[in-house]
Amino acid sequence: MEIDRIEWLREARQPHSYRRMYGLVMMIIASPSVTAVEKRMAVYVRGLLKDVMELAVASALVLLKARIGFAHLTEIVVEAECNQAAGQDA
């Protein structure tokens, strides 16, 4: 499944829930067109979010780590999109 980074970023702008974050992370993991850095970060964030998905009530620290990890993943996707766009313009 290929991802459109621009569309992914639109969705990631306001994920609304940890389940939505998890779904967006899984899109990155399933896509063969992402960079190794994107995939590694997505796998890491999946691990953070897995704890949230499995617990009836997650601690504030677990939720904070998941939000921070997702924010970092979003930054990595932005960087990859910028690099790809720069490569296409050259």
Protein backbone atom coordinates (compact mmCIF):
# COMPACT_ATOMS: atom_id res chain seq x y z
CA MET A 1 0.00 0.00 0.00
CA GLU A 2 1.57 3.28 -1.13
CA ILE A 3 1.08 6.36 1.00
CA ASP A 4 0.64 9.90 -0.19
CA ARG A 5 2.70 11.84 2.35
CA ILE A 6 0.75 15.06 1.85
CA GLU A 7 -2.55 13.29 2.54
CA TRP A 8 -0.98 11.45 5.49
CA LEU A 9 0.19 14.76 6.93
CA ARG A 10 -3.29 16.24 6.54
CA GLU A 11 -4.69 13.32 8.50
CA ALA A 12 -1.91 13.49 11.09
CA ARG A 13 -2.43 17.20 11.72
CA GLN A 14 -5.30 16.42 14.09
CA PRO A 15 -5.36 12.69 14.74
CA HIS A 16 -8.23 13.05 17.30
CA SER A 17 -7.42 9.81 19.11
CA TYR A 18 -4.66 7.37 19.90
CA ARG A 19 -6.44 4.78 17.76
CA ARG A 20 -6.25 7.16 14.82
CA MET A 21 -2.54 7.72 15.51
CA TYR A 22 -2.08 3.95 15.55
CA GLY A 23 -3.85 3.65 12.19
CA LEU A 24 -1.64 6.35 10.68
CA VAL A 25 1.47 4.65 12.04
CA MET A 26 0.37 1.34 10.53
CA MET A 27 -0.05 3.06 7.14
CA ILE A 28 3.62 4.07 7.27
CA ILE A 29 4.73 0.58 8.29
CA ALA A 30 2.70 -1.07 5.51
CA SER A 31 3.95 1.22 2.75
CA PRO A 32 6.89 0.03 0.65
CA SER A 33 7.60 3.59 -0.49
CA VAL A 34 8.66 5.07 2.86
CA THR A 35 12.24 5.66 3.88
CA ALA A 36 14.05 3.44 6.36
CA VAL A 37 14.03 6.30 8.88
CA GLU A 38 10.25 6.71 8.55
CA LYS A 39 9.72 2.98 8.97
CA ARG A 40 12.02 2.71 12.02
CA MET A 41 10.29 5.61 13.75
CA ALA A 42 6.86 4.22 12.88
CA VAL A 43 7.79 0.84 14.40
CA TYR A 44 9.00 2.62 17.55
CA VAL A 45 5.80 4.67 17.81
CA ARG A 46 3.72 1.53 17.18
CA GLY A 47 5.36 0.05 20.27
CA LEU A 48 4.46 3.12 22.31
CA LEU A 49 0.89 3.15 21.05
CA LYS A 50 0.48 -0.59 21.56
CA ASP A 51 0.71 0.03 25.29
CA VAL A 52 -2.06 2.63 24.99
CA MET A 53 -4.27 0.33 22.89
CA GLU A 54 -3.94 -2.60 25.28
CA LEU A 55 -4.61 -0.72 28.52
CA ALA A 56 -8.07 0.28 29.67
CA VAL A 57 -6.50 3.37 31.25
CA ALA A 58 -3.00 4.45 30.29
CA SER A 59 -0.81 6.57 32.53
CA ALA A 60 -0.12 10.18 31.66
CA LEU A 61 3.52 9.31 31.03
CA VAL A 62 2.64 6.58 28.52
CA LEU A 63 0.26 8.95 26.71
CA LEU A 64 2.87 11.72 26.66
CA LYS A 65 5.52 9.41 25.20
CA ALA A 66 3.08 8.29 22.50
CA ARG A 67 2.20 11.90 21.57
CA ILE A 68 5.85 12.94 21.46
CA GLY A 69 6.79 9.91 19.37
CA PHE A 70 3.95 10.62 16.94
CA ALA A 71 5.05 14.26 16.67
CA HIS A 72 8.59 13.11 15.83
CA LEU A 73 7.24 10.69 13.22
CA THR A 74 5.28 13.56 11.66
CA GLU A 75 8.46 15.67 11.48
CA ILE A 76 10.29 12.79 9.78
CA VAL A 77 7.49 12.43 7.21
CA VAL A 78 7.65 16.19 6.50
CA GLU A 79 11.41 15.95 5.99
CA ALA A 80 11.03 12.96 3.66
CA GLU A 81 8.38 14.77 1.61
CA CYS A 82 10.57 17.89 1.36
CA ASN A 83 13.55 15.77 0.26
CA GLN A 84 11.43 13.98 -2.33
CA ALA A 85 10.00 17.25 -3.65
CA ALA A 86 13.49 18.78 -3.84
CA GLY A 87 14.73 15.74 -5.75
CA GLN A 88 11.88 16.03 -8.25
CA ASP A 89 12.53 19.74 -8.79
CA ALA A 90 16.25 19.22 -9.49
